[in-house]
Protein backbone atom coordinates (compact mmCIF):
# COMPACT_ATOMS: atom_id res chain seq x y z
CA GLN A 1 0.00 0.00 0.00
CA VAL A 2 1.12 3.52 -0.79
CA GLN A 3 -0.41 6.68 0.61
CA LEU A 4 0.18 9.96 -1.19
CA VAL A 5 -0.22 13.47 0.22
CA GLU A 6 0.16 16.52 -2.03
CA SER A 7 1.15 19.98 -0.87
CA GLY A 8 2.40 23.26 -2.29
CA GLY A 9 -0.66 24.46 -4.10
CA GLY A 10 -1.87 28.03 -3.88
CA MET A 11 -2.69 31.17 -5.79
CA VAL A 12 -0.19 32.82 -8.11
CA GLN A 13 -0.26 35.38 -10.89
CA ALA A 14 0.35 34.42 -14.47
CA GLY A 15 4.06 34.05 -15.13
CA GLY A 16 4.75 32.95 -11.57
CA SER A 17 6.00 29.64 -10.23
CA LEU A 18 4.94 27.00 -7.74
CA ARG A 19 6.48 23.74 -6.63
CA LEU A 20 4.15 20.93 -5.71
CA ALA A 21 5.28 18.07 -3.52
CA CYS A 22 3.84 14.61 -3.10
CA ALA A 23 4.95 12.73 -0.01
CA ALA A 24 4.57 8.98 -0.15
CA SER A 25 4.47 6.33 2.50
CA GLY A 26 5.92 2.90 1.93
CA ARG A 27 9.39 1.41 1.96
CA THR A 28 9.48 0.71 -1.77
CA PHE A 29 8.66 4.20 -2.98
CA SER A 30 11.79 4.27 -5.12
CA ARG A 31 10.35 1.45 -7.26
CA TYR A 32 7.11 3.24 -8.11
CA ASN A 33 6.41 5.12 -11.30
CA MET A 34 4.92 8.50 -10.48
CA GLY A 35 2.52 10.76 -12.29
CA TRP A 36 0.92 14.17 -11.92
CA PHE A 37 -2.56 14.88 -13.22
CA ARG A 38 -4.87 17.88 -12.95
CA GLN A 39 -8.56 18.59 -13.18
CA ALA A 40 -10.05 21.99 -13.95
CA PRO A 41 -13.62 22.85 -12.96
CA GLY A 42 -16.08 21.26 -15.36
CA LYS A 43 -13.38 19.36 -17.20
CA GLU A 44 -12.04 15.84 -17.14
CA ARG A 45 -8.83 14.95 -15.40
CA GLU A 46 -5.81 15.31 -17.67
CA PHE A 47 -2.27 14.08 -17.65
CA VAL A 48 0.52 16.50 -16.76
CA ALA A 49 3.78 14.59 -16.23
CA ALA A 50 5.18 11.17 -15.38
CA LEU A 51 8.46 9.76 -14.10
CA ARG A 52 9.56 6.15 -14.49
CA TRP A 53 11.38 4.80 -11.46
CA SER A 54 13.88 2.51 -13.17
CA VAL A 55 15.64 4.90 -15.53
CA SER A 56 14.11 8.21 -14.44
CA THR A 57 12.54 8.71 -17.84
CA THR A 58 10.15 11.65 -17.91
CA TYR A 59 7.08 12.28 -20.01
CA TYR A 60 5.15 15.56 -20.26
CA ALA A 61 1.91 16.75 -21.74
CA ASP A 62 2.53 19.10 -24.65
CA SER A 63 0.75 21.89 -22.79
CA VAL A 64 3.35 21.95 -20.01
CA LYS A 65 6.50 20.85 -21.83
CA GLY A 66 9.32 23.32 -21.22
CA ARG A 67 7.54 24.91 -18.24
CA PHE A 68 7.04 22.04 -15.78
CA THR A 69 9.61 19.60 -14.38
CA ILE A 70 8.90 16.38 -12.52
CA SER A 71 11.55 15.01 -10.19
CA ARG A 72 11.87 12.79 -7.16
CA ASP A 73 13.90 12.49 -4.00
CA ASN A 74 13.83 8.84 -2.96
CA ALA A 75 15.54 9.60 0.34
CA LYS A 76 12.56 11.79 1.24
CA ASN A 77 9.93 9.58 -0.43
CA THR A 78 8.80 12.66 -2.31
CA VAL A 79 8.05 13.55 -5.92
CA TYR A 80 7.96 17.17 -7.04
CA LEU A 81 6.37 19.16 -9.82
CA GLN A 82 8.15 22.43 -10.47
CA MET A 83 5.82 24.71 -12.40
CA ASN A 84 7.23 27.83 -14.04
CA ASN A 85 5.66 30.47 -16.26
CA LEU A 86 2.22 29.51 -15.04
CA LYS A 87 -0.81 30.37 -17.11
CA PRO A 88 -4.47 30.77 -16.14
CA GLU A 89 -5.25 27.55 -18.01
CA ASP A 90 -2.99 25.69 -15.55
CA THR A 91 -5.63 26.28 -12.86
CA GLY A 92 -7.03 23.12 -11.32
CA VAL A 93 -6.69 20.49 -8.66
CA TYR A 94 -3.40 18.68 -9.04
CA TYR A 95 -3.13 15.01 -8.10
CA CYS A 96 -0.13 12.76 -7.82
CA ALA A 97 -0.38 9.08 -8.59
CA ALA A 98 1.81 6.02 -8.16
CA ASP A 99 2.02 2.57 -9.67
CA SER A 100 4.60 -0.20 -9.45
CA ARG A 101 4.09 -1.26 -13.08
CA TYR A 102 2.23 1.32 -15.14
CA TYR A 103 3.95 4.41 -16.50
CA GLY A 104 2.37 6.90 -18.86
CA PRO A 105 -0.39 9.42 -19.54
CA ASN A 106 -3.42 7.24 -18.89
CA GLY A 107 -4.93 7.23 -15.43
CA GLU A 108 -4.10 3.59 -14.78
CA TYR A 109 -2.24 4.22 -11.57
CA ASP A 110 -3.15 2.23 -8.48
CA TYR A 111 -2.64 4.96 -5.89
CA TRP A 112 -3.82 8.56 -5.83
CA GLY A 113 -3.46 11.51 -3.51
CA GLN A 114 -6.27 13.80 -2.40
CA GLY A 115 -5.16 16.72 -4.56
CA THR A 116 -3.95 20.28 -4.06
CA GLN A 117 -5.52 23.38 -5.59
CA VAL A 118 -3.55 25.58 -7.96
CA THR A 119 -5.09 28.87 -9.07
CA VAL A 120 -3.39 31.12 -11.61
CA SER A 121 -4.81 34.59 -12.08
CA SER A 122 -4.36 36.68 -15.20
């Protein structure tokens, strides 16, 4: 079992930055693939970024490529999402997800956090 807790959300003006963190429980965190997703009001959840545990391969949605960076600190059982040059369309609830086998943009992760709100004003 893995429990995920997101933090770091908040309100920021367009062009600003935020760093989200996702703290995970579990001794084998380093062997989990991690993903970040977001959901805007009235819209479906969408993929943001993913990180494969074995070779640290990253994968980003086109809408965030070049602005967001996913990383992990296995010693702290934490995965991060650094978000730069934020835009109003980045507004939403951001969720982290973990899975020991799946890696990619589909929501086929076994474990999910409760989400953290990000609001970007214009």
